[in-house]
Amino acid sequence: MTIYSQHANRGKSQILATYDGPGGVASSTVTSLSTPALAAPIVYALNRISALTTVPLSVFDRRERRVNSYPRRHLIALTDRDARADLLRGTHSLWYEYVCLELHRALSDLDDAMSVVPPPVLTAVNAELETEARELRDALAEYSEGVPAPETENRRDWDFGRPFVAYDGGMEMLGIEVREQLDRLEDGISSQERTQAVKNLRELATAHARRSSEQATLDYAPLSIFPEPYDSDGYSLSIQAPNLGKRDTEAWEIDICRWEPDDPDEEEWSSATGIAAVRCELPASPGADRLTRLLDEVEQRPALLAKWAETQIGATLDGTEFVVTRGRDD
């Protein structure tokens, strides 16, 4: 609903809120800080909060060939700190609960950014969050219930299907493709399986967010993390959550793979296939902390992958608790 930016003004860094208003695009000052370094993390967090809050209210939930609205319960977390824990407890759908997880993270990042600013700035930013939440509620009441929004000079307009937000290059998960991929994962699963799938996604996404590696990607079809560090001699790691509803993939899987050329006679490979060397099948979730440690270990010591690929069935990957359950020839 709002895009935030910072601008130099009289020796300070001014944070502006830009939004659609009755007369077109308008801006207002949120607060000013002494340096751009203090303003930048606040602007970044506010843009994420605005996007994560607004987009679920601006699209339809089309799972199971139906057309429904997504919940609005995440709105309260903008102004009620005690409600933030609820962002991590829901089971509505994979995509919506992923949005709530990222909103919780963005609010925590805003707290960190605000911990080093003067009290007046804290007051101003909290007032901005209250304004954003109130204006969204008013707009939603007008859209869904026909209750006219208050006519004010600084009113922030909202249109379903056209959220005015900054994706900032890092909000891929708010796009149609990711939402549809996660929706497809829910096809045919029970409510109990959905609850477990949401938990799995939270653990994967949390581990991915905490990692030190820039080479690890979070994938959604299937739910997995795939790090391929430099200097790994063609080896890679794959961490995959269970594909619930499919009997052959009920366990968590950690694979050590190596790229092999499709044509071994080629001097320069034109194509290659990832071949699993060893696999660790886990009867229960390893937890976000253990996954983060595994990702960081691979990032810091990529040569470990080649060593792990030689691990015998029944032995643990060196330095970890993960037991190899399948070898390459199984």
Protein backbone atom coordinates (compact mmCIF):
# COMPACT_ATOMS: atom_id res chain seq x y z
CA MET A 1 0.00 0.00 0.00
CA THR A 2 2.97 2.29 0.61
CA ILE A 3 6.46 2.64 -0.85
CA TYR A 4 9.20 4.02 1.41
CA SER A 5 12.35 5.86 0.41
CA GLN A 6 15.04 8.06 1.92
CA HIS A 7 16.19 11.47 0.73
CA ALA A 8 18.80 13.97 1.84
CA ASN A 9 17.21 17.06 3.35
CA ARG A 10 19.06 19.84 5.19
CA GLY A 11 21.87 17.61 6.28
CA LYS A 12 19.64 14.76 7.43
CA SER A 13 18.21 11.62 5.86
CA GLN A 14 14.46 11.93 5.49
CA ILE A 15 12.19 8.86 5.23
CA LEU A 16 9.19 9.41 2.95
CA ALA A 17 6.00 7.36 2.58
CA THR A 18 4.59 7.41 -0.98
CA TYR A 19 1.08 6.15 -1.74
CA ASP A 20 -1.95 6.53 -3.98
CA GLY A 21 -4.26 9.23 -2.63
CA PRO A 22 -7.48 10.94 -3.72
CA GLY A 23 -5.50 13.30 -5.95
CA GLY A 24 -3.02 10.79 -7.29
CA VAL A 25 0.37 9.72 -5.98
CA ALA A 26 1.29 11.62 -2.81
CA SER A 27 4.08 11.59 -0.24
CA SER A 28 4.44 12.42 3.42
CA THR A 29 7.38 12.53 5.79
CA VAL A 30 7.66 9.68 8.28
CA THR A 31 10.73 10.86 10.16
CA SER A 32 14.31 12.10 9.75
CA LEU A 33 17.58 10.58 10.90
CA SER A 34 21.10 11.91 11.22
CA THR A 35 22.70 9.57 8.65
CA PRO A 36 21.69 7.44 5.64
CA ALA A 37 23.18 4.41 7.41
CA LEU A 38 20.52 4.69 10.12
CA ALA A 39 17.69 5.29 7.66
CA ALA A 40 18.48 2.54 5.12
CA PRO A 41 17.58 -0.54 7.24
CA ILE A 42 14.36 1.15 8.40
CA VAL A 43 13.34 1.89 4.82
CA TYR A 44 14.16 -1.66 3.75
CA ALA A 45 12.15 -3.20 6.59
CA LEU A 46 9.17 -0.88 6.05
CA ASN A 47 8.99 -1.74 2.35
CA ARG A 48 8.99 -5.45 3.14
CA ILE A 49 6.33 -4.99 5.83
CA SER A 50 4.13 -2.99 3.46
CA ALA A 51 4.44 -5.54 0.66
CA LEU A 52 3.94 -8.58 2.89
CA THR A 53 0.93 -6.99 4.57
CA THR A 54 -0.74 -5.74 1.39
CA VAL A 55 -0.28 -8.46 -1.24
CA PRO A 56 -2.27 -11.24 0.53
CA LEU A 57 -5.19 -8.81 0.73
CA SER A 58 -4.90 -7.99 -2.97
CA VAL A 59 -5.07 -11.47 -4.54
CA PHE A 60 -7.51 -14.38 -4.47
CA ASP A 61 -6.88 -17.76 -2.88
CA ARG A 62 -7.56 -20.06 -5.84
CA ARG A 63 -6.70 -23.41 -4.29
CA GLU A 64 -8.94 -26.37 -5.13
CA ARG A 65 -10.46 -24.43 -8.04
CA ARG A 66 -12.25 -22.08 -5.70
CA VAL A 67 -12.07 -18.31 -5.30
CA ASN A 68 -11.65 -17.15 -1.71
CA SER A 69 -9.99 -14.33 0.15
CA TYR A 70 -6.85 -14.80 2.22
CA PRO A 71 -7.09 -14.10 5.97
CA ARG A 72 -6.56 -10.63 7.41
CA ARG A 73 -5.26 -11.74 10.79
CA HIS A 74 -1.70 -10.66 9.97
CA LEU A 75 -2.78 -7.00 10.06
CA ILE A 76 -2.93 -6.89 13.84
CA ALA A 77 0.77 -7.75 14.12
CA LEU A 78 1.68 -4.31 12.74
CA THR A 79 0.41 -2.58 15.85
CA ASP A 80 0.20 -5.28 18.51
CA ARG A 81 3.56 -6.76 19.46
CA ASP A 82 1.90 -9.58 21.42
CA ALA A 83 0.16 -10.71 18.24
CA ARG A 84 3.40 -11.33 16.38
CA ALA A 85 3.73 -14.85 17.77
CA ASP A 86 0.48 -15.75 15.99
CA LEU A 87 2.24 -15.14 12.67
CA LEU A 88 4.13 -18.38 13.31
CA ARG A 89 1.18 -20.52 14.41
CA GLY A 90 -1.27 -20.58 11.53
CA THR A 91 -2.02 -23.42 9.13
CA HIS A 92 -4.21 -21.73 6.52
CA SER A 93 -2.08 -22.49 3.46
CA LEU A 94 1.57 -22.84 2.52
CA TRP A 95 1.80 -19.50 0.72
CA TYR A 96 -0.10 -17.44 3.28
CA GLU A 97 1.82 -18.87 6.23
CA TYR A 98 5.08 -18.26 4.35
CA VAL A 99 4.04 -14.61 3.99
CA CYS A 100 3.32 -14.48 7.74
CA LEU A 101 6.76 -15.95 8.49
CA GLU A 102 8.46 -13.33 6.34
CA LEU A 103 6.34 -10.58 7.90
CA HIS A 104 7.47 -11.74 11.35
CA ARG A 105 11.08 -11.57 10.14
CA ALA A 106 10.61 -8.10 8.65
CA LEU A 107 9.09 -6.78 11.88
CA SER A 108 12.01 -8.25 13.83
CA ASP A 109 14.46 -6.59 11.44
CA LEU A 110 12.65 -3.30 11.97
CA ASP A 111 13.05 -3.74 15.73
CA ASP A 112 16.80 -4.22 15.24
CA ALA A 113 17.02 -1.11 13.08
CA MET A 114 15.04 0.91 15.63
CA SER A 115 17.16 -0.17 18.59
CA VAL A 116 19.82 2.45 17.79
CA VAL A 117 17.65 5.48 16.96
CA PRO A 118 16.33 8.28 19.23
CA PRO A 119 12.91 7.80 20.89
CA PRO A 120 11.14 10.35 18.62
CA VAL A 121 12.06 8.25 15.59
CA LEU A 122 10.66 5.15 17.26
CA THR A 123 7.42 7.01 17.99
CA ALA A 124 7.17 8.25 14.40
CA VAL A 125 7.74 4.81 12.86
CA ASN A 126 5.19 3.18 15.17
CA ALA A 127 2.70 5.86 14.16
CA GLU A 128 3.43 5.04 10.51
CA LEU A 129 2.66 1.36 11.09
CA GLU A 130 -0.58 2.33 12.80
CA THR A 131 -1.49 4.52 9.82
CA GLU A 132 -0.74 1.74 7.35
CA ALA A 133 -2.84 -0.78 9.26
CA ARG A 134 -5.75 1.63 9.77
CA GLU A 135 -5.85 2.75 6.12
CA LEU A 136 -5.80 -0.85 4.92
CA ARG A 137 -8.65 -1.79 7.25
CA ASP A 138 -10.70 1.18 6.05
CA ALA A 139 -10.04 0.32 2.40
CA LEU A 140 -10.94 -3.34 2.95
CA ALA A 141 -14.17 -2.40 4.74
CA GLU A 142 -15.16 -0.25 1.78
CA TYR A 143 -14.25 -2.98 -0.73
CA SER A 144 -15.84 -5.96 0.97
CA GLU A 145 -18.61 -4.46 3.10
CA GLY A 146 -19.47 -1.23 1.33
CA VAL A 147 -18.51 0.90 4.34
CA PRO A 148 -17.26 4.25 2.96
CA ALA A 149 -13.67 5.03 3.88
CA PRO A 150 -13.19 8.33 5.76
CA GLU A 151 -12.61 11.21 3.36
CA THR A 152 -9.32 12.71 4.49
CA GLU A 153 -6.71 14.73 2.63
CA ASN A 154 -3.97 12.17 3.32
CA ARG A 155 -6.07 9.06 2.70
CA ARG A 156 -4.19 6.10 1.22
CA ASP A 157 -6.14 4.37 -1.52
CA TRP A 158 -5.98 0.63 -2.15
CA ASP A 159 -7.24 -1.34 -5.15
CA PHE A 160 -7.69 -5.10 -5.20
CA GLY A 161 -5.31 -6.69 -7.72
CA ARG A 162 -3.08 -3.62 -7.91
CA PRO A 163 -1.12 -3.33 -4.66
CA PHE A 164 1.10 -0.24 -4.51
CA VAL A 165 4.18 -1.83 -2.97
CA ALA A 166 7.93 -2.13 -3.55
CA TYR A 167 9.15 -5.65 -4.23
CA ASP A 168 12.76 -4.37 -4.16
CA GLY A 169 14.06 -7.39 -6.08
CA GLY A 170 13.90 -9.66 -3.04
CA MET A 171 10.23 -10.57 -2.76
CA GLU A 172 9.99 -13.37 -5.29
CA MET A 173 7.77 -15.30 -2.89
CA LEU A 174 5.01 -12.70 -3.32
CA GLY A 175 4.76 -13.40 -7.04
CA ILE A 176 2.26 -15.58 -8.89
CA GLU A 177 4.75 -18.33 -9.77
CA VAL A 178 5.76 -19.13 -6.20
CA ARG A 179 2.16 -18.93 -4.97
CA GLU A 180 1.02 -21.39 -7.65
CA GLN A 181 3.92 -23.76 -6.94
CA LEU A 182 3.04 -23.86 -3.25
CA ASP A 183 -0.66 -24.27 -4.05
CA ARG A 184 0.13 -27.31 -6.21
CA LEU A 185 1.98 -28.91 -3.30
CA GLU A 186 -1.31 -28.87 -1.39
CA ASP A 187 -3.25 -30.79 -4.03
CA GLY A 188 -4.75 -33.91 -2.50
CA ILE A 189 -3.27 -33.57 0.98
CA SER A 190 -5.25 -33.71 4.21
CA SER A 191 -5.53 -30.88 6.73
CA GLN A 192 -3.10 -32.75 9.00
CA GLU A 193 -0.60 -33.07 6.15
CA ARG A 194 -1.01 -29.38 5.37
CA THR A 195 -0.19 -28.51 8.98
CA GLN A 196 3.00 -30.56 8.74
CA ALA A 197 3.86 -29.09 5.34
CA VAL A 198 3.56 -25.56 6.76
CA LYS A 199 5.91 -26.55 9.60
CA ASN A 200 8.39 -27.99 7.10
CA LEU A 201 8.31 -24.84 4.99
CA ARG A 202 8.91 -22.67 8.04
CA GLU A 203 11.97 -24.73 8.99
CA LEU A 204 13.42 -24.65 5.48
CA ALA A 205 12.75 -20.94 5.01
CA THR A 206 14.19 -20.10 8.44
CA ALA A 207 17.36 -22.09 7.78
CA HIS A 208 17.70 -20.45 4.37
CA ALA A 209 17.29 -16.96 5.84
CA ARG A 210 19.90 -17.59 8.55
CA ARG A 211 22.52 -19.13 6.25
CA SER A 212 25.83 -17.45 5.52
CA SER A 213 25.96 -18.87 1.97
CA GLU A 214 24.92 -16.77 -0.99
CA GLN A 215 24.97 -19.87 -3.21
CA ALA A 216 22.06 -21.69 -1.59
CA THR A 217 18.65 -21.39 -3.23
CA LEU A 218 15.25 -22.11 -1.71
CA ASP A 219 13.07 -24.05 -4.13
CA TYR A 220 9.35 -24.77 -3.92
CA ALA A 221 8.81 -27.71 -6.28
CA PRO A 222 9.68 -29.70 -4.25
CA LEU A 223 10.35 -27.85 -0.98
CA SER A 224 14.13 -27.89 -0.79
CA ILE A 225 17.36 -25.96 -0.33
CA PHE A 226 20.09 -26.43 -2.91
CA PRO A 227 23.56 -25.06 -2.11
CA GLU A 228 26.30 -25.44 -4.71
CA PRO A 229 29.36 -23.64 -3.32
CA TYR A 230 32.34 -22.53 -5.36
CA ASP A 231 35.40 -24.80 -5.29
CA SER A 232 33.29 -27.90 -4.57
CA ASP A 233 34.66 -29.87 -7.54
CA GLY A 234 31.20 -30.29 -8.99
CA TYR A 235 29.59 -31.55 -5.79
CA SER A 236 26.41 -30.09 -4.35
CA LEU A 237 24.04 -30.58 -1.44
CA SER A 238 20.28 -30.96 -1.54
CA ILE A 239 18.00 -30.76 1.51
CA GLN A 240 14.44 -31.79 0.69
CA ALA A 241 11.37 -31.78 2.90
CA PRO A 242 8.87 -34.67 2.59
CA ASN A 243 6.49 -34.42 -0.33
CA LEU A 244 3.42 -35.07 1.79
CA GLY A 245 0.71 -37.14 0.21
CA LYS A 246 3.28 -39.12 -1.80
CA ARG A 247 4.10 -42.41 -0.10
CA ASP A 248 7.58 -42.70 -1.61
CA THR A 249 8.86 -39.45 -0.10
CA GLU A 250 7.68 -39.37 3.50
CA ALA A 251 11.15 -38.68 4.98
CA TRP A 252 13.43 -35.66 4.95
CA GLU A 253 16.29 -36.27 2.53
CA ILE A 254 19.83 -34.90 2.47
CA ASP A 255 21.61 -35.77 -0.76
CA ILE A 256 25.26 -35.31 -1.72
CA CYS A 257 25.31 -35.08 -5.50
CA ARG A 258 27.88 -34.55 -8.24
CA TRP A 259 27.42 -33.19 -11.73
CA GLU A 260 28.44 -35.66 -14.41
CA PRO A 261 28.57 -34.85 -18.16
CA ASP A 262 25.86 -36.37 -20.31
CA ASP A 263 28.58 -37.01 -22.91
CA PRO A 264 31.77 -38.08 -21.09
CA ASP A 265 33.82 -37.63 -24.28
CA GLU A 266 33.20 -33.89 -24.44
CA GLU A 267 36.14 -31.73 -23.34
CA GLU A 268 33.80 -28.89 -22.44
CA TRP A 269 30.48 -30.09 -21.12
CA SER A 270 27.40 -28.94 -23.00
CA SER A 271 25.05 -30.59 -20.50
CA ALA A 272 25.32 -32.51 -17.25
CA THR A 273 23.13 -34.44 -14.83
CA GLY A 274 23.27 -34.35 -11.05
CA ILE A 275 23.90 -37.86 -9.70
CA ALA A 276 23.22 -38.63 -6.03
CA ALA A 277 26.30 -40.15 -4.36
CA VAL A 278 24.84 -40.71 -0.90
CA ARG A 279 21.54 -39.98 0.80
CA CYS A 280 20.56 -39.47 4.42
CA GLU A 281 16.87 -40.21 5.03
CA LEU A 282 15.66 -38.66 8.26
CA PRO A 283 12.60 -40.01 10.09
CA ALA A 284 11.90 -36.59 11.60
CA SER A 285 12.64 -32.97 10.81
CA PRO A 286 16.24 -31.98 11.54
CA GLY A 287 15.13 -28.52 12.69
CA ALA A 288 16.12 -25.11 11.34
CA ASP A 289 19.20 -24.76 13.59
CA ARG A 290 20.78 -28.01 12.43
CA LEU A 291 20.03 -27.22 8.81
CA THR A 292 21.63 -23.78 9.18
CA ARG A 293 24.76 -25.33 10.67
CA LEU A 294 24.92 -27.81 7.79
CA LEU A 295 24.58 -25.05 5.20
CA ASP A 296 27.23 -22.92 6.89
CA GLU A 297 29.62 -25.86 7.15
CA VAL A 298 29.32 -26.52 3.42
CA GLU A 299 29.82 -22.83 2.67
CA GLN A 300 32.95 -22.58 4.78
CA ARG A 301 34.43 -25.97 3.77
CA PRO A 302 33.13 -26.95 0.31
CA ALA A 303 35.71 -29.77 0.06
CA LEU A 304 33.65 -31.61 2.67
CA LEU A 305 31.12 -32.54 -0.01
CA ALA A 306 33.61 -34.76 -1.82
CA LYS A 307 34.54 -36.39 1.49
CA TRP A 308 30.91 -36.92 2.45
CA ALA A 309 30.22 -38.50 -0.94
CA GLU A 310 32.52 -41.41 0.06
CA THR A 311 30.64 -42.12 3.30
CA GLN A 312 29.52 -45.73 3.73
CA ILE A 313 25.93 -46.70 4.48
CA GLY A 314 25.35 -46.69 8.23
CA ALA A 315 28.09 -44.13 8.92
CA THR A 316 27.50 -40.44 9.65
CA LEU A 317 28.57 -37.57 7.46
CA ASP A 318 31.80 -36.43 9.08
CA GLY A 319 31.16 -33.75 11.70
CA THR A 320 27.37 -34.18 11.61
CA GLU A 321 24.68 -36.40 13.11
CA PHE A 322 23.24 -37.40 9.74
CA VAL A 323 23.45 -41.13 8.98
CA VAL A 324 23.84 -42.31 5.39
CA THR A 325 20.97 -44.64 4.49
CA ARG A 326 21.50 -45.06 0.74
CA GLY A 327 24.51 -45.19 -1.55
CA ARG A 328 24.87 -44.45 -5.22
CA ASP A 329 24.12 -48.00 -6.36
CA ASP A 330 20.98 -48.48 -4.22
